[in-house]
Amino acid sequence: MSRQHHFHIDHRGHSVSVTVEAGHRPVVVVLVDGKETGRAETRGDRPVTVPVELPADPPVAAAVRVTPGPGVPRCLLLAEDGTDPHVMAPRLY
């Protein structure tokens, strides 16, 4: 049985959402402005980094770093625009 966890942040005028489906093989799905832009699978509690791009002019490279466990998953947005990593807030759906 798996459980889904959701995270969200607004960054530079863009919506970044992450769904982590916890379980034996966690799956991470990243949406930027409502469109799926990244997907990754990991094993157990191993952290995974999913590269994405924020649609700006010029586009801004970014990544979402997910630590699936132990316990509740955690997400960071790593934007390559010189800002510090941003903790993504959990969102209840």
Protein backbone atom coordinates (compact mmCIF):
# COMPACT_ATOMS: atom_id res chain seq x y z
CA MET A 1 0.00 0.00 0.00
CA SER A 2 1.31 3.44 -0.82
CA ARG A 3 0.55 6.90 0.47
CA GLN A 4 0.77 10.20 -1.38
CA HIS A 5 2.35 13.35 0.04
CA HIS A 6 1.99 16.73 -1.65
CA PHE A 7 4.25 19.80 -1.49
CA HIS A 8 4.01 23.25 -3.05
CA ILE A 9 5.88 26.54 -3.44
CA ASP A 10 5.50 29.67 -5.53
CA HIS A 11 8.86 30.83 -6.91
CA ARG A 12 9.50 33.73 -9.28
CA GLY A 13 5.85 33.81 -10.29
CA HIS A 14 5.65 30.08 -10.99
CA SER A 15 3.81 27.33 -9.16
CA VAL A 16 5.91 24.26 -8.33
CA SER A 17 4.08 21.23 -6.94
CA VAL A 18 5.44 17.82 -5.98
CA THR A 19 3.66 14.55 -5.31
CA VAL A 20 5.62 11.82 -3.54
CA GLU A 21 4.01 8.40 -3.66
CA ALA A 22 5.62 6.65 -0.73
CA GLY A 23 5.99 2.90 -0.70
CA HIS A 24 8.55 0.23 -1.56
CA ARG A 25 9.63 2.21 -4.65
CA PRO A 26 8.79 5.88 -4.06
CA VAL A 27 7.75 7.84 -7.17
CA VAL A 28 8.23 11.62 -7.38
CA VAL A 29 6.21 13.75 -9.84
CA VAL A 30 6.98 17.47 -10.31
CA LEU A 31 4.56 19.95 -11.88
CA VAL A 32 5.52 23.49 -12.89
CA ASP A 33 2.53 25.75 -13.56
CA GLY A 34 0.28 22.68 -13.64
CA LYS A 35 2.29 20.75 -16.24
CA GLU A 36 4.28 17.62 -15.46
CA THR A 37 7.94 18.50 -16.01
CA GLY A 38 9.75 15.80 -14.09
CA ARG A 39 9.37 12.29 -12.73
CA ALA A 40 11.73 10.01 -10.86
CA GLU A 41 11.72 6.76 -8.94
CA THR A 42 13.98 5.89 -6.04
CA ARG A 43 14.46 2.98 -3.67
CA GLY A 44 13.65 3.03 0.00
CA ASP A 45 14.65 6.26 1.73
CA ARG A 46 17.30 7.34 -0.80
CA PRO A 47 17.08 11.04 -1.72
CA VAL A 48 16.40 11.86 -5.36
CA THR A 49 16.92 15.07 -7.35
CA VAL A 50 14.56 15.83 -10.22
CA PRO A 51 15.77 18.50 -12.69
CA VAL A 52 13.13 20.96 -13.93
CA GLU A 53 13.01 24.29 -15.74
CA LEU A 54 11.05 27.39 -14.77
CA PRO A 55 9.53 28.97 -17.89
CA ALA A 56 11.01 32.47 -17.66
CA ASP A 57 12.85 34.54 -20.25
CA PRO A 58 15.49 33.14 -20.24
CA PRO A 59 14.39 29.83 -18.66
CA VAL A 60 15.73 29.18 -15.16
CA ALA A 61 17.17 25.75 -14.44
CA ALA A 62 16.07 24.30 -11.12
CA ALA A 63 15.77 21.00 -9.34
CA VAL A 64 13.58 19.48 -6.67
CA ARG A 65 15.41 17.43 -4.03
CA VAL A 66 13.16 14.88 -2.31
CA THR A 67 14.06 12.85 0.74
CA PRO A 68 11.33 10.17 0.91
CA GLY A 69 12.01 9.12 4.49
CA PRO A 70 12.36 7.87 7.09
CA GLY A 71 9.05 9.25 8.23
CA VAL A 72 7.35 12.03 6.30
CA PRO A 73 9.03 13.03 3.00
CA ARG A 74 10.79 16.40 2.70
CA CYS A 75 11.21 18.57 -0.42
CA LEU A 76 13.57 21.40 -1.35
CA LEU A 77 13.47 23.62 -4.44
CA LEU A 78 17.01 24.25 -5.68
CA ALA A 79 16.84 27.16 -8.14
CA GLU A 80 19.96 28.07 -10.07
CA ASP A 81 19.21 31.78 -9.91
CA GLY A 82 21.52 32.39 -6.96
CA THR A 83 18.89 31.97 -4.26
CA ASP A 84 19.21 29.63 -1.30
CA PRO A 85 17.32 26.31 -1.30
CA HIS A 86 13.63 26.75 -0.49
CA VAL A 87 11.76 24.34 1.77
CA MET A 88 8.55 23.27 0.05
CA ALA A 89 5.52 23.34 2.34
CA PRO A 90 3.39 20.22 2.74
CA ARG A 91 -0.08 20.54 1.24
CA LEU A 92 -3.11 18.52 2.30
CA TYR A 93 -5.35 17.38 -0.54
